[in-house]
Amino acid sequence: MTTSRWRSVALGSAAAAILILSGCGEKRVPEPTEHATANGVTVTVTLLPAANGQRELQATFSPQQPGFHIYSIDLPSQGVDGLGIPTRLSVHGDLTPVGKPPSANLVTQLLRPAGLQTEIPVYPDGPVTFTMPVRQTGSHQADVVVSYGACSKSRCLMPVTDEVIHLSLN
């Protein structure tokens, strides 16, 4: 094969790879995403497509310090022996929850804070993502309302109650 033929084959292969990797020129619209940070935790909410024309709301709770855990979504409303705040996720505006309640990507574990006999269900240290099936009822805005708390074995951060994250849908 001649040098010019090799060059043509190489250029054609490179062009094909670029088209494949770039989605053949299709522009992908980024999924609606917003962030909020309060009391040592960043919450990132993203609206994703799901099966059957439905949508999924994903909310990732990320403690900003190593060794901190997010309290379980299954924690009783008053905590355990008055300790802890359950993680909560709800939507208002142009999103409506459908089907099952939010679910976590991790399994809870029991944490015994230093000096206490009480065990509190928490997610493993670091980020935890909750997924909630939703239906989009409009194209403007949804309010994602979150409540949560974070703790380590030796320290708890101030809880956040009913923090509203505005999610633009257009």
N, C-alpha and C. Protein backbone atom coordinates (compact mmCIF):
# COMPACT_ATOMS: atom_id res chain seq x y z
N MET A 1 0.85 -1.16 0.00
CA MET A 1 0.00 0.00 0.00
C MET A 1 0.90 1.22 0.00
N THR A 2 0.50 2.23 -0.77
CA THR A 2 1.31 3.45 -0.85
C THR A 2 1.10 4.31 0.38
N THR A 3 2.04 5.24 0.56
CA THR A 3 1.96 6.15 1.70
C THR A 3 0.69 6.97 1.66
N SER A 4 0.30 7.47 0.49
CA SER A 4 -0.92 8.29 0.39
C SER A 4 -2.16 7.44 0.69
N ARG A 5 -2.13 6.17 0.30
CA ARG A 5 -3.26 5.28 0.59
C ARG A 5 -3.37 5.05 2.10
N TRP A 6 -2.23 4.81 2.77
CA TRP A 6 -2.21 4.64 4.22
C TRP A 6 -2.75 5.89 4.91
N ARG A 7 -2.32 7.05 4.43
CA ARG A 7 -2.77 8.32 5.01
C ARG A 7 -4.29 8.46 4.87
N SER A 8 -4.83 8.10 3.72
CA SER A 8 -6.27 8.19 3.49
C SER A 8 -7.03 7.25 4.42
N VAL A 9 -6.52 6.03 4.58
CA VAL A 9 -7.16 5.07 5.46
C VAL A 9 -7.12 5.57 6.91
N ALA A 10 -5.96 6.09 7.33
CA ALA A 10 -5.81 6.58 8.70
C ALA A 10 -6.73 7.77 8.95
N LEU A 11 -6.78 8.71 8.02
CA LEU A 11 -7.66 9.88 8.18
C LEU A 11 -9.13 9.48 8.20
N GLY A 12 -9.50 8.53 7.33
CA GLY A 12 -10.88 8.07 7.32
C GLY A 12 -11.25 7.37 8.62
N SER A 13 -10.37 6.57 9.15
CA SER A 13 -10.61 5.89 10.43
C SER A 13 -10.73 6.89 11.57
N ALA A 14 -9.86 7.89 11.57
CA ALA A 14 -9.91 8.92 12.61
C ALA A 14 -11.22 9.69 12.53
N ALA A 15 -11.66 10.04 11.32
CA ALA A 15 -12.91 10.77 11.16
C ALA A 15 -14.10 9.93 11.63
N ALA A 16 -14.09 8.66 11.32
CA ALA A 16 -15.18 7.77 11.76
C ALA A 16 -15.20 7.66 13.28
N ALA A 17 -14.04 7.53 13.89
CA ALA A 17 -13.98 7.45 15.36
C ALA A 17 -14.50 8.72 16.00
N ILE A 18 -14.15 9.85 15.45
CA ILE A 18 -14.62 11.14 16.00
C ILE A 18 -16.14 11.22 15.90
N LEU A 19 -16.72 10.83 14.77
CA LEU A 19 -18.17 10.86 14.61
C LEU A 19 -18.85 9.92 15.59
N ILE A 20 -18.30 8.73 15.77
CA ILE A 20 -18.91 7.77 16.68
C ILE A 20 -18.84 8.30 18.11
N LEU A 21 -17.70 8.79 18.52
CA LEU A 21 -17.52 9.28 19.88
C LEU A 21 -18.32 10.55 20.15
N SER A 22 -18.58 11.34 19.12
CA SER A 22 -19.32 12.59 19.33
C SER A 22 -20.81 12.43 19.12
N GLY A 23 -21.29 11.23 18.86
CA GLY A 23 -22.72 11.02 18.68
C GLY A 23 -23.20 11.44 17.31
N CYS A 24 -22.33 11.38 16.34
CA CYS A 24 -22.67 11.71 14.95
C CYS A 24 -23.25 13.10 14.81
N GLY A 25 -22.75 14.03 15.53
CA GLY A 25 -23.18 15.41 15.38
C GLY A 25 -24.41 15.78 16.18
N GLU A 26 -25.03 14.81 16.88
CA GLU A 26 -26.20 15.14 17.70
C GLU A 26 -25.77 15.95 18.90
N LYS A 27 -26.53 16.98 19.19
CA LYS A 27 -26.25 17.76 20.40
C LYS A 27 -27.04 17.15 21.54
N ARG A 28 -26.35 16.76 22.59
CA ARG A 28 -27.02 16.23 23.78
C ARG A 28 -27.35 17.39 24.69
N VAL A 29 -28.58 17.45 25.09
CA VAL A 29 -29.01 18.46 26.04
C VAL A 29 -28.67 17.95 27.43
N PRO A 30 -27.94 18.72 28.22
CA PRO A 30 -27.61 18.24 29.56
C PRO A 30 -28.88 18.09 30.40
N GLU A 31 -28.86 17.09 31.25
CA GLU A 31 -30.00 16.85 32.14
C GLU A 31 -30.05 17.96 33.18
N PRO A 32 -31.26 18.38 33.58
CA PRO A 32 -31.37 19.42 34.61
C PRO A 32 -30.68 18.98 35.90
N THR A 33 -29.78 19.82 36.39
CA THR A 33 -29.00 19.52 37.60
C THR A 33 -28.84 20.79 38.43
N GLU A 34 -28.94 20.65 39.73
CA GLU A 34 -28.68 21.77 40.66
C GLU A 34 -27.97 21.23 41.89
N HIS A 35 -27.32 22.14 42.61
CA HIS A 35 -26.56 21.79 43.82
C HIS A 35 -26.95 22.73 44.95
N ALA A 36 -26.81 22.24 46.16
CA ALA A 36 -26.96 23.07 47.35
C ALA A 36 -26.04 22.51 48.42
N THR A 37 -25.41 23.40 49.17
CA THR A 37 -24.52 22.98 50.24
C THR A 37 -24.94 23.65 51.53
N ALA A 38 -25.11 22.85 52.57
CA ALA A 38 -25.45 23.39 53.90
C ALA A 38 -24.95 22.42 54.96
N ASN A 39 -24.42 22.96 56.01
CA ASN A 39 -24.00 22.20 57.20
C ASN A 39 -23.17 20.96 56.87
N GLY A 40 -22.16 21.16 56.02
CA GLY A 40 -21.19 20.11 55.76
C GLY A 40 -21.58 19.06 54.74
N VAL A 41 -22.67 19.27 54.01
CA VAL A 41 -23.12 18.29 53.02
C VAL A 41 -23.51 19.03 51.74
N THR A 42 -23.07 18.52 50.60
CA THR A 42 -23.51 19.03 49.30
C THR A 42 -24.54 18.06 48.75
N VAL A 43 -25.67 18.60 48.31
CA VAL A 43 -26.72 17.78 47.70
C VAL A 43 -26.78 18.16 46.22
N THR A 44 -26.67 17.17 45.35
CA THR A 44 -26.77 17.38 43.91
C THR A 44 -28.00 16.64 43.42
N VAL A 45 -28.91 17.37 42.78
CA VAL A 45 -30.12 16.74 42.23
C VAL A 45 -30.07 16.80 40.71
N THR A 46 -30.44 15.69 40.08
CA THR A 46 -30.43 15.59 38.62
C THR A 46 -31.69 14.86 38.19
N LEU A 47 -32.32 15.38 37.14
CA LEU A 47 -33.50 14.74 36.56
C LEU A 47 -33.04 13.95 35.34
N LEU A 48 -33.30 12.64 35.36
CA LEU A 48 -32.84 11.75 34.30
C LEU A 48 -34.01 11.09 33.58
N PRO A 49 -33.82 10.73 32.31
CA PRO A 49 -34.87 9.96 31.62
C PRO A 49 -34.91 8.55 32.20
N ALA A 50 -36.08 7.94 32.16
CA ALA A 50 -36.25 6.56 32.63
C ALA A 50 -37.15 5.82 31.63
N ALA A 51 -37.47 4.60 31.93
CA ALA A 51 -38.29 3.78 31.04
C ALA A 51 -39.71 4.30 30.94
N ASN A 52 -40.37 3.98 29.84
CA ASN A 52 -41.79 4.28 29.61
C ASN A 52 -42.12 5.77 29.70
N GLY A 53 -41.19 6.62 29.29
CA GLY A 53 -41.45 8.05 29.28
C GLY A 53 -41.43 8.70 30.64
N GLN A 54 -41.15 7.92 31.67
CA GLN A 54 -41.06 8.47 33.02
C GLN A 54 -39.70 9.15 33.20
N ARG A 55 -39.51 9.75 34.35
CA ARG A 55 -38.24 10.37 34.70
C ARG A 55 -37.82 9.83 36.06
N GLU A 56 -36.56 10.00 36.38
CA GLU A 56 -36.03 9.66 37.70
C GLU A 56 -35.32 10.87 38.26
N LEU A 57 -35.61 11.16 39.49
CA LEU A 57 -34.89 12.21 40.18
C LEU A 57 -33.81 11.52 41.01
N GLN A 58 -32.57 11.93 40.80
CA GLN A 58 -31.48 11.41 41.61
C GLN A 58 -30.98 12.53 42.50
N ALA A 59 -30.80 12.23 43.76
CA ALA A 59 -30.26 13.19 44.73
C ALA A 59 -29.08 12.54 45.43
N THR A 60 -27.90 13.13 45.26
CA THR A 60 -26.70 12.60 45.89
C THR A 60 -26.31 13.51 47.04
N PHE A 61 -26.22 12.93 48.22
CA PHE A 61 -25.84 13.64 49.44
C PHE A 61 -24.37 13.32 49.71
N SER A 62 -23.51 14.32 49.65
CA SER A 62 -22.06 14.12 49.79
C SER A 62 -21.51 14.89 50.97
N PRO A 63 -21.19 14.20 52.07
CA PRO A 63 -20.53 14.89 53.18
C PRO A 63 -19.20 15.48 52.70
N GLN A 64 -18.88 16.67 53.17
CA GLN A 64 -17.66 17.35 52.72
C GLN A 64 -16.42 16.92 53.49
N GLN A 65 -16.61 16.19 54.59
CA GLN A 65 -15.47 15.73 55.38
C GLN A 65 -15.43 14.21 55.39
N PRO A 66 -14.24 13.64 55.35
CA PRO A 66 -14.16 12.17 55.41
C PRO A 66 -14.64 11.67 56.77
N GLY A 67 -15.19 10.45 56.76
CA GLY A 67 -15.65 9.83 58.00
C GLY A 67 -17.07 10.20 58.39
N PHE A 68 -17.75 11.01 57.59
CA PHE A 68 -19.13 11.40 57.92
C PHE A 68 -20.12 10.55 57.14
N HIS A 69 -21.25 10.28 57.78
CA HIS A 69 -22.30 9.43 57.26
C HIS A 69 -23.60 10.23 57.17
N ILE A 70 -24.45 9.88 56.24
CA ILE A 70 -25.80 10.45 56.14
C ILE A 70 -26.75 9.50 56.86
N TYR A 71 -27.68 10.07 57.62
CA TYR A 71 -28.66 9.24 58.34
C TYR A 71 -29.58 8.53 57.35
N SER A 72 -30.09 7.38 57.76
CA SER A 72 -30.95 6.55 56.92
C SER A 72 -32.28 7.23 56.59
N ILE A 73 -32.80 6.90 55.44
CA ILE A 73 -34.13 7.36 55.04
C ILE A 73 -35.21 6.65 55.86
N ASP A 74 -34.85 5.50 56.44
CA ASP A 74 -35.79 4.72 57.24
C ASP A 74 -35.74 5.05 58.73
N LEU A 75 -34.92 6.02 59.11
CA LEU A 75 -34.85 6.44 60.51
C LEU A 75 -36.21 6.98 60.93
N PRO A 76 -36.69 6.65 62.12
CA PRO A 76 -37.97 7.22 62.57
C PRO A 76 -37.93 8.75 62.59
N SER A 77 -39.08 9.38 62.48
CA SER A 77 -39.16 10.85 62.43
C SER A 77 -38.47 11.53 63.60
N GLN A 78 -38.54 10.93 64.77
CA GLN A 78 -37.91 11.52 65.97
C GLN A 78 -36.51 10.97 66.22
N GLY A 79 -35.96 10.24 65.26
CA GLY A 79 -34.64 9.66 65.44
C GLY A 79 -34.70 8.42 66.32
N VAL A 80 -33.56 7.99 66.79
CA VAL A 80 -33.45 6.86 67.72
C VAL A 80 -33.02 7.44 69.05
N ASP A 81 -33.86 7.27 70.06
CA ASP A 81 -33.61 7.89 71.37
C ASP A 81 -33.38 9.39 71.23
N GLY A 82 -34.09 10.01 70.28
CA GLY A 82 -33.97 11.45 70.06
C GLY A 82 -32.75 11.86 69.26
N LEU A 83 -31.97 10.90 68.78
CA LEU A 83 -30.76 11.21 68.02
C LEU A 83 -30.98 10.96 66.53
N GLY A 84 -30.51 11.87 65.71
CA GLY A 84 -30.57 11.71 64.27
C GLY A 84 -31.82 12.31 63.65
N ILE A 85 -31.73 12.55 62.37
CA ILE A 85 -32.84 13.08 61.58
C ILE A 85 -32.92 12.22 60.31
N PRO A 86 -34.09 11.72 59.97
CA PRO A 86 -34.17 10.89 58.76
C PRO A 86 -33.91 11.73 57.51
N THR A 87 -33.27 11.12 56.55
CA THR A 87 -33.09 11.76 55.25
C THR A 87 -34.45 11.75 54.55
N ARG A 88 -34.83 12.89 54.00
CA ARG A 88 -36.12 13.01 53.30
C ARG A 88 -35.89 13.67 51.94
N LEU A 89 -36.70 13.27 50.97
CA LEU A 89 -36.64 13.79 49.61
C LEU A 89 -38.06 13.87 49.07
N SER A 90 -38.47 15.06 48.64
CA SER A 90 -39.80 15.22 48.04
C SER A 90 -39.71 16.25 46.92
N VAL A 91 -40.75 16.31 46.09
CA VAL A 91 -40.79 17.25 44.97
C VAL A 91 -42.11 17.99 44.94
N HIS A 92 -42.06 19.20 44.41
CA HIS A 92 -43.24 20.04 44.21
C HIS A 92 -43.06 20.77 42.89
N GLY A 93 -44.10 21.42 42.43
CA GLY A 93 -44.00 22.16 41.17
C GLY A 93 -44.29 21.24 40.00
N ASP A 94 -43.42 21.28 38.97
CA ASP A 94 -43.66 20.54 37.73
C ASP A 94 -43.15 19.10 37.75
N LEU A 95 -42.94 18.53 38.93
CA LEU A 95 -42.63 17.11 39.08
C LEU A 95 -43.56 16.51 40.12
N THR A 96 -44.01 15.28 39.87
CA THR A 96 -44.88 14.57 40.78
C THR A 96 -44.28 13.19 41.02
N PRO A 97 -44.17 12.76 42.29
CA PRO A 97 -43.66 11.40 42.53
C PRO A 97 -44.65 10.35 42.01
N VAL A 98 -44.12 9.26 41.49
CA VAL A 98 -44.96 8.15 41.02
C VAL A 98 -44.37 6.85 41.54
N GLY A 99 -45.25 5.93 41.88
CA GLY A 99 -44.78 4.62 42.29
C GLY A 99 -44.15 4.60 43.66
N LYS A 100 -43.03 3.92 43.73
CA LYS A 100 -42.38 3.65 45.01
C LYS A 100 -41.69 4.89 45.59
N PRO A 101 -41.45 4.88 46.90
CA PRO A 101 -40.74 5.99 47.54
C PRO A 101 -39.26 5.99 47.14
N PRO A 102 -38.53 7.02 47.49
CA PRO A 102 -37.10 7.07 47.13
C PRO A 102 -36.35 5.86 47.68
N SER A 103 -35.36 5.41 46.92
CA SER A 103 -34.52 4.30 47.37
C SER A 103 -33.06 4.72 47.29
N ALA A 104 -32.25 4.14 48.17
CA ALA A 104 -30.82 4.47 48.25
C ALA A 104 -30.00 3.44 47.49
N ASN A 105 -28.83 3.88 47.02
CA ASN A 105 -27.92 2.97 46.31
C ASN A 105 -27.04 2.18 47.27
N LEU A 106 -27.13 2.48 48.56
CA LEU A 106 -26.32 1.78 49.56
C LEU A 106 -27.21 1.20 50.65
N VAL A 107 -26.70 0.21 51.34
CA VAL A 107 -27.41 -0.42 52.45
C VAL A 107 -26.95 0.26 53.74
N THR A 108 -27.87 0.44 54.67
CA THR A 108 -27.51 1.09 55.92
C THR A 108 -26.66 0.17 56.80
N GLN A 109 -25.97 0.81 57.70
CA GLN A 109 -25.21 0.12 58.73
C GLN A 109 -25.50 0.82 60.04
N LEU A 110 -25.20 0.18 61.16
CA LEU A 110 -25.46 0.80 62.45
C LEU A 110 -24.20 1.50 62.94
N LEU A 111 -24.39 2.72 63.41
CA LEU A 111 -23.29 3.53 63.94
C LEU A 111 -23.57 3.81 65.41
N ARG A 112 -22.60 3.53 66.26
CA ARG A 112 -22.73 3.84 67.68
C ARG A 112 -21.83 5.05 67.95
N PRO A 113 -22.46 6.24 68.15
CA PRO A 113 -21.65 7.42 68.45
C PRO A 113 -20.85 7.21 69.74
N ALA A 114 -19.66 7.81 69.77
CA ALA A 114 -18.76 7.67 70.92
C ALA A 114 -19.46 8.04 72.21
N GLY A 115 -19.34 7.16 73.22
CA GLY A 115 -19.88 7.43 74.54
C GLY A 115 -21.36 7.13 74.70
N LEU A 116 -22.02 6.63 73.65
CA LEU A 116 -23.45 6.34 73.73
C LEU A 116 -23.70 4.85 73.51
N GLN A 117 -24.82 4.37 74.04
CA GLN A 117 -25.22 2.97 73.82
C GLN A 117 -26.16 2.83 72.63
N THR A 118 -26.62 3.95 72.10
CA THR A 118 -27.59 3.96 71.00
C THR A 118 -26.89 3.68 69.67
N GLU A 119 -27.53 2.86 68.84
CA GLU A 119 -27.04 2.62 67.48
C GLU A 119 -28.01 3.29 66.51
N ILE A 120 -27.44 4.03 65.56
CA ILE A 120 -28.25 4.80 64.61
C ILE A 120 -27.98 4.26 63.20
N PRO A 121 -29.05 3.98 62.43
CA PRO A 121 -28.83 3.51 61.06
C PRO A 121 -28.37 4.67 60.16
N VAL A 122 -27.22 4.46 59.53
CA VAL A 122 -26.63 5.45 58.63
C VAL A 122 -26.16 4.72 57.37
N TYR A 123 -25.86 5.49 56.34
CA TYR A 123 -25.25 4.92 55.14
C TYR A 123 -23.73 4.93 55.34
N PRO A 124 -23.02 4.07 54.61
CA PRO A 124 -21.56 4.07 54.74
C PRO A 124 -21.00 5.46 54.49
N ASP A 125 -19.88 5.71 55.07
CA ASP A 125 -19.24 7.00 55.01
C ASP A 125 -19.02 7.44 53.55
N GLY A 126 -19.32 8.68 53.29
CA GLY A 126 -19.20 9.23 51.94
C GLY A 126 -20.56 9.47 51.31
N PRO A 127 -20.56 9.67 49.99
CA PRO A 127 -21.82 10.00 49.29
C PRO A 127 -22.80 8.84 49.24
N VAL A 128 -24.08 9.19 49.23
CA VAL A 128 -25.16 8.23 49.02
C VAL A 128 -26.14 8.87 48.03
N THR A 129 -26.65 8.06 47.09
CA THR A 129 -27.56 8.57 46.06
C THR A 129 -28.93 7.92 46.23
N PHE A 130 -29.95 8.78 46.22
CA PHE A 130 -31.33 8.33 46.29
C PHE A 130 -31.96 8.53 44.92
N THR A 131 -32.81 7.59 44.52
CA THR A 131 -33.51 7.67 43.25
C THR A 131 -35.00 7.62 43.53
N MET A 132 -35.73 8.54 42.87
CA MET A 132 -37.18 8.59 43.04
C MET A 132 -37.83 8.70 41.66
N PRO A 133 -38.75 7.78 41.32
CA PRO A 133 -39.46 7.90 40.06
C PRO A 133 -40.42 9.09 40.11
N VAL A 134 -40.42 9.88 39.04
CA VAL A 134 -41.27 11.07 38.97
C VAL A 134 -41.89 11.19 37.58
N ARG A 135 -42.92 12.00 37.51
CA ARG A 135 -43.53 12.35 36.23
C ARG A 135 -43.40 13.86 36.10
N GLN A 136 -42.97 14.30 34.93
CA GLN A 136 -42.85 15.73 34.69
C GLN A 136 -44.20 16.24 34.19
N THR A 137 -44.77 17.22 34.91
CA THR A 137 -46.11 17.73 34.58
C THR A 137 -46.07 19.10 33.93
N GLY A 138 -44.90 19.67 33.82
CA GLY A 138 -44.73 20.98 33.19
C GLY A 138 -43.30 21.14 32.75
N SER A 139 -42.97 22.30 32.20
CA SER A 139 -41.62 22.48 31.66
C SER A 139 -40.86 23.63 32.31
N HIS A 140 -41.32 24.07 33.46
CA HIS A 140 -40.68 25.24 34.05
C HIS A 140 -39.74 24.90 35.19
N GLN A 141 -40.29 24.64 36.37
CA GLN A 141 -39.45 24.46 37.54
C GLN A 141 -40.05 23.47 38.52
N ALA A 142 -39.18 22.76 39.19
CA ALA A 142 -39.59 21.88 40.29
C ALA A 142 -38.79 22.29 41.52
N ASP A 143 -39.41 22.13 42.65
CA ASP A 143 -38.71 22.34 43.91
C ASP A 143 -38.45 20.98 44.52
N VAL A 144 -37.19 20.69 44.74
CA VAL A 144 -36.80 19.45 45.41
C VAL A 144 -36.54 19.83 46.86
N VAL A 145 -37.24 19.19 47.77
CA VAL A 145 -37.14 19.52 49.19
C VAL A 145 -36.41 18.38 49.89
N VAL A 146 -35.32 18.72 50.59
CA VAL A 146 -34.51 17.71 51.27
C VAL A 146 -34.35 18.05 52.75
N SER A 147 -34.28 17.01 53.55
CA SER A 147 -33.93 17.12 54.96
C SER A 147 -32.90 16.03 55.20
N TYR A 148 -31.88 16.34 56.01
CA TYR A 148 -30.82 15.37 56.24
C TYR A 148 -29.94 15.80 57.41
N GLY A 149 -29.13 14.89 57.83
CA GLY A 149 -28.11 15.16 58.83
C GLY A 149 -26.92 14.27 58.56
N ALA A 150 -25.76 14.69 59.05
CA ALA A 150 -24.54 13.92 58.87
C ALA A 150 -23.82 13.83 60.21
N CYS A 151 -23.18 12.68 60.42
CA CYS A 151 -22.44 12.50 61.66
C CYS A 151 -21.23 11.60 61.39
N SER A 152 -20.31 11.65 62.33
CA SER A 152 -19.18 10.72 62.35
C SER A 152 -19.28 9.97 63.68
N LYS A 153 -18.31 9.17 63.99
CA LYS A 153 -18.36 8.45 65.26
C LYS A 153 -18.23 9.39 66.45
N SER A 154 -17.64 10.57 66.23
CA SER A 154 -17.39 11.46 67.36
C SER A 154 -18.12 12.80 67.29
N ARG A 155 -18.79 13.09 66.17
CA ARG A 155 -19.37 14.42 66.01
C ARG A 155 -20.55 14.39 65.04
N CYS A 156 -21.57 15.19 65.36
CA CYS A 156 -22.71 15.33 64.46
C CYS A 156 -22.79 16.79 64.01
N LEU A 157 -23.15 16.98 62.76
CA LEU A 157 -23.32 18.31 62.20
C LEU A 157 -24.78 18.74 62.39
N MET A 158 -25.01 20.03 62.39
CA MET A 158 -26.39 20.55 62.51
C MET A 158 -27.24 19.98 61.37
N PRO A 159 -28.43 19.49 61.68
CA PRO A 159 -29.29 18.95 60.61
C PRO A 159 -29.83 20.06 59.72
N VAL A 160 -30.23 19.68 58.54
CA VAL A 160 -30.87 20.58 57.58
C VAL A 160 -32.29 20.08 57.40
N THR A 161 -33.25 20.99 57.57
CA THR A 161 -34.66 20.61 57.48
C THR A 161 -35.35 21.41 56.38
N ASP A 162 -35.99 20.71 55.47
CA ASP A 162 -36.81 21.31 54.41
C ASP A 162 -36.05 22.35 53.58
N GLU A 163 -34.83 22.00 53.18
CA GLU A 163 -34.05 22.84 52.26
C GLU A 163 -34.63 22.68 50.86
N VAL A 164 -34.92 23.80 50.20
CA VAL A 164 -35.52 23.78 48.87
C VAL A 164 -34.42 23.99 47.82
N ILE A 165 -34.33 23.09 46.87
CA ILE A 165 -33.41 23.20 45.74
C ILE A 165 -34.26 23.41 44.51
N HIS A 166 -34.14 24.57 43.87
CA HIS A 166 -34.92 24.90 42.68
C HIS A 166 -34.25 24.24 41.46
N LEU A 167 -35.03 23.44 40.74
CA LEU A 167 -34.54 22.73 39.57
C LEU A 167 -35.26 23.24 38.33
N SER A 168 -34.52 23.94 37.48
CA SER A 168 -35.09 24.46 36.24
C SER A 168 -35.23 23.31 35.24
N LEU A 169 -36.41 23.16 34.65
CA LEU A 169 -36.68 22.04 33.76
C LEU A 169 -36.56 22.38 32.28
N ASN A 170 -36.29 23.62 31.96
CA ASN A 170 -36.19 23.97 30.53
C ASN A 170 -34.80 24.32 30.13
